[in-house]
Amino acid sequence: MAIIRIKKLLIRTYIGFNPEELVNKQDVVINLEIEADLPEKALLTDEPDGIYDYKKVTKRIITFVQDGRFKLLEVLTNNILDLVMEDPQVRWARVQVDKPHALRFAESVSVEMEARR
């Protein structure tokens, strides 16, 4: 097993339900922790055969978030978690999505969800 962390993935999307949020993209910051099976063969040969492809899932997340429209941060977080969990190599994942400057006196608001197989 290996824990893969993808930190501070910054993406612009439509997030929120206030009138200005429906027409202006905003930044979200995504942090992922993914526990995935690690084939022993990869450790012995230093070859990527059978290894979890974190680049592929990151590209899928970027496309999904950029092209989407979300009213709730909770729904966005859950959808990203579902996308990560589609890969059968993933045993456990935690997704945190921050919406910077969502509250007047706070740096950000975040939602965190996790799933285990």
C-alpha atoms as a PDB file:
ATOM      1  CA  MET A   1       0.000   0.000   0.000  1.00  0.00           C
ATOM      2  CA  ALA A   2       1.006   3.545  -0.615  1.00  0.00           C
ATOM      3  CA  ILE A   3      -0.497   6.857   0.452  1.00  0.00           C
ATOM      4  CA  ILE A   4      -0.470   9.368  -2.381  1.00  0.00           C
ATOM      5  CA  ARG A   5      -1.057  13.025  -1.535  1.00  0.00           C
ATOM      6  CA  ILE A   6      -1.992  15.631  -4.085  1.00  0.00           C
ATOM      7  CA  LYS A   7      -1.781  19.039  -2.439  1.00  0.00           C
ATOM      8  CA  LYS A   8      -3.236  22.431  -3.281  1.00  0.00           C
ATOM      9  CA  LEU A   9      -4.695  21.602  -6.691  1.00  0.00           C
ATOM     10  CA  LEU A  10      -6.049  25.013  -7.716  1.00  0.00           C
ATOM     11  CA  ILE A  11      -8.980  24.996 -10.156  1.00  0.00           C
ATOM     12  CA  ARG A  12     -11.498  27.621 -11.270  1.00  0.00           C
ATOM     13  CA  THR A  13     -15.154  26.644 -11.455  1.00  0.00           C
ATOM     14  CA  TYR A  14     -18.681  27.840 -10.884  1.00  0.00           C
ATOM     15  CA  ILE A  15     -19.405  27.212  -7.204  1.00  0.00           C
ATOM     16  CA  GLY A  16     -22.264  28.672  -5.192  1.00  0.00           C
ATOM     17  CA  PHE A  17     -25.824  29.812  -5.598  1.00  0.00           C
ATOM     18  CA  ASN A  18     -25.643  33.572  -5.065  1.00  0.00           C
ATOM     19  CA  PRO A  19     -26.300  35.571  -8.254  1.00  0.00           C
ATOM     20  CA  GLU A  20     -22.657  36.628  -8.715  1.00  0.00           C
ATOM     21  CA  GLU A  21     -21.457  33.052  -8.134  1.00  0.00           C
ATOM     22  CA  LEU A  22     -23.670  31.775 -10.940  1.00  0.00           C
ATOM     23  CA  VAL A  23     -21.898  33.957 -13.530  1.00  0.00           C
ATOM     24  CA  ASN A  24     -18.314  34.213 -12.214  1.00  0.00           C
ATOM     25  CA  LYS A  25     -15.882  31.343 -11.785  1.00  0.00           C
ATOM     26  CA  GLN A  26     -14.115  31.099  -8.448  1.00  0.00           C
ATOM     27  CA  ASP A  27     -11.061  29.272  -7.198  1.00  0.00           C
ATOM     28  CA  VAL A  28     -11.311  26.028  -5.284  1.00  0.00           C
ATOM     29  CA  VAL A  29      -8.323  24.307  -3.712  1.00  0.00           C
ATOM     30  CA  ILE A  30      -8.365  20.520  -3.617  1.00  0.00           C
ATOM     31  CA  ASN A  31      -6.288  18.243  -1.406  1.00  0.00           C
ATOM     32  CA  LEU A  32      -6.385  14.487  -1.877  1.00  0.00           C
ATOM     33  CA  GLU A  33      -5.061  11.547   0.098  1.00  0.00           C
ATOM     34  CA  ILE A  34      -5.350   8.223  -1.688  1.00  0.00           C
ATOM     35  CA  GLU A  35      -4.370   4.834  -0.319  1.00  0.00           C
ATOM     36  CA  ALA A  36      -3.737   2.522  -3.252  1.00  0.00           C
ATOM     37  CA  ASP A  37      -2.429  -0.966  -3.796  1.00  0.00           C
ATOM     38  CA  LEU A  38       1.248  -0.971  -4.672  1.00  0.00           C
ATOM     39  CA  PRO A  39       2.339  -3.951  -6.761  1.00  0.00           C
ATOM     40  CA  GLU A  40       5.504  -5.540  -5.403  1.00  0.00           C
ATOM     41  CA  LYS A  41       6.697  -5.999  -8.975  1.00  0.00           C
ATOM     42  CA  ALA A  42       6.848  -2.224  -9.401  1.00  0.00           C
ATOM     43  CA  LEU A  43       9.058  -1.929  -6.327  1.00  0.00           C
ATOM     44  CA  LEU A  44      11.384  -4.647  -7.563  1.00  0.00           C
ATOM     45  CA  THR A  45      11.653  -3.521 -11.186  1.00  0.00           C
ATOM     46  CA  ASP A  46      11.197   0.266 -10.870  1.00  0.00           C
ATOM     47  CA  GLU A  47       8.692   0.025 -13.730  1.00  0.00           C
ATOM     48  CA  PRO A  48       5.225   1.613 -13.643  1.00  0.00           C
ATOM     49  CA  ASP A  49       3.323  -1.523 -14.709  1.00  0.00           C
ATOM     50  CA  GLY A  50       0.267  -1.881 -12.485  1.00  0.00           C
ATOM     51  CA  ILE A  51       1.006   1.241 -10.467  1.00  0.00           C
ATOM     52  CA  TYR A  52      -1.820   3.638  -9.513  1.00  0.00           C
ATOM     53  CA  ASP A  53      -1.902   6.448 -12.077  1.00  0.00           C
ATOM     54  CA  TYR A  54      -2.312   9.623 -10.005  1.00  0.00           C
ATOM     55  CA  LYS A  55      -1.635  11.817 -13.031  1.00  0.00           C
ATOM     56  CA  LYS A  56      -4.629  10.310 -14.829  1.00  0.00           C
ATOM     57  CA  VAL A  57      -7.028  10.844 -11.924  1.00  0.00           C
ATOM     58  CA  THR A  58      -5.743  14.397 -11.443  1.00  0.00           C
ATOM     59  CA  LYS A  59      -6.483  15.233 -15.091  1.00  0.00           C
ATOM     60  CA  ARG A  60      -9.984  13.764 -14.724  1.00  0.00           C
ATOM     61  CA  ILE A  61     -10.612  15.867 -11.621  1.00  0.00           C
ATOM     62  CA  ILE A  62      -9.383  19.044 -13.320  1.00  0.00           C
ATOM     63  CA  THR A  63     -11.651  18.502 -16.328  1.00  0.00           C
ATOM     64  CA  PHE A  64     -14.637  17.560 -14.171  1.00  0.00           C
ATOM     65  CA  VAL A  65     -14.303  20.596 -11.888  1.00  0.00           C
ATOM     66  CA  GLN A  66     -13.476  23.148 -14.608  1.00  0.00           C
ATOM     67  CA  ASP A  67     -16.390  22.072 -16.789  1.00  0.00           C
ATOM     68  CA  GLY A  68     -18.911  21.750 -13.971  1.00  0.00           C
ATOM     69  CA  ARG A  69     -21.341  23.978 -12.147  1.00  0.00           C
ATOM     70  CA  PHE A  70     -21.939  23.326  -8.473  1.00  0.00           C
ATOM     71  CA  LYS A  71     -24.197  25.030  -5.953  1.00  0.00           C
ATOM     72  CA  LEU A  72     -22.869  23.192  -2.918  1.00  0.00           C
ATOM     73  CA  LEU A  73     -19.291  22.588  -1.838  1.00  0.00           C
ATOM     74  CA  GLU A  74     -20.499  19.340  -0.287  1.00  0.00           C
ATOM     75  CA  VAL A  75     -21.720  18.039  -3.653  1.00  0.00           C
ATOM     76  CA  LEU A  76     -18.476  18.994  -5.403  1.00  0.00           C
ATOM     77  CA  THR A  77     -16.444  17.230  -2.701  1.00  0.00           C
ATOM     78  CA  ASN A  78     -18.588  14.096  -2.858  1.00  0.00           C
ATOM     79  CA  ASN A  79     -18.398  13.963  -6.667  1.00  0.00           C
ATOM     80  CA  ILE A  80     -14.602  14.198  -6.590  1.00  0.00           C
ATOM     81  CA  LEU A  81     -14.461  11.439  -3.978  1.00  0.00           C
ATOM     82  CA  ASP A  82     -16.686   9.242  -6.155  1.00  0.00           C
ATOM     83  CA  LEU A  83     -14.396   9.862  -9.120  1.00  0.00           C
ATOM     84  CA  VAL A  84     -11.318   8.845  -7.105  1.00  0.00           C
ATOM     85  CA  MET A  85     -13.022   5.723  -5.754  1.00  0.00           C
ATOM     86  CA  GLU A  86     -13.880   4.479  -9.273  1.00  0.00           C
ATOM     87  CA  ASP A  87     -10.400   2.935  -9.543  1.00  0.00           C
ATOM     88  CA  PRO A  88     -10.382  -0.544  -7.944  1.00  0.00           C
ATOM     89  CA  GLN A  89      -6.780  -0.027  -6.753  1.00  0.00           C
ATOM     90  CA  VAL A  90      -7.973   2.681  -4.351  1.00  0.00           C
ATOM     91  CA  ARG A  91      -8.578   1.283  -0.863  1.00  0.00           C
ATOM     92  CA  TRP A  92      -9.280   4.570   0.912  1.00  0.00           C
ATOM     93  CA  ALA A  93      -9.447   8.219  -0.069  1.00  0.00           C
ATOM     94  CA  ARG A  94      -9.941  11.561   1.611  1.00  0.00           C
ATOM     95  CA  VAL A  95     -10.881  14.660  -0.359  1.00  0.00           C
ATOM     96  CA  GLN A  96     -10.839  18.200   1.000  1.00  0.00           C
ATOM     97  CA  VAL A  97     -12.131  21.099  -1.074  1.00  0.00           C
ATOM     98  CA  ASP A  98     -11.545  24.678   0.054  1.00  0.00           C
ATOM     99  CA  LYS A  99     -13.447  27.689  -1.222  1.00  0.00           C
ATOM    100  CA  PRO A 100     -11.183  30.674  -0.467  1.00  0.00           C
ATOM    101  CA  HIS A 101     -12.811  33.885   0.751  1.00  0.00           C
ATOM    102  CA  ALA A 102     -16.276  32.320   1.022  1.00  0.00           C
ATOM    103  CA  LEU A 103     -16.767  34.025   4.380  1.00  0.00           C
ATOM    104  CA  ARG A 104     -15.924  37.634   5.107  1.00  0.00           C
ATOM    105  CA  PHE A 105     -13.477  37.095   7.973  1.00  0.00           C
ATOM    106  CA  ALA A 106     -12.194  33.622   7.097  1.00  0.00           C
ATOM    107  CA  GLU A 107      -9.398  32.530   4.795  1.00  0.00           C
ATOM    108  CA  SER A 108     -11.605  29.776   3.399  1.00  0.00           C
ATOM    109  CA  VAL A 109     -14.378  27.294   4.002  1.00  0.00           C
ATOM    110  CA  SER A 110     -13.678  23.637   3.366  1.00  0.00           C
ATOM    111  CA  VAL A 111     -15.525  20.357   3.206  1.00  0.00           C
ATOM    112  CA  GLU A 112     -13.752  17.047   3.747  1.00  0.00           C
ATOM    113  CA  MET A 113     -15.084  13.585   2.984  1.00  0.00           C
ATOM    114  CA  GLU A 114     -13.575  10.124   2.933  1.00  0.00           C
ATOM    115  CA  ALA A 115     -14.476   6.649   1.737  1.00  0.00           C
ATOM    116  CA  ARG A 116     -13.059   3.178   2.325  1.00  0.00           C
ATOM    117  CA  ARG A 117     -13.405   0.042   0.283  1.00  0.00           C
END
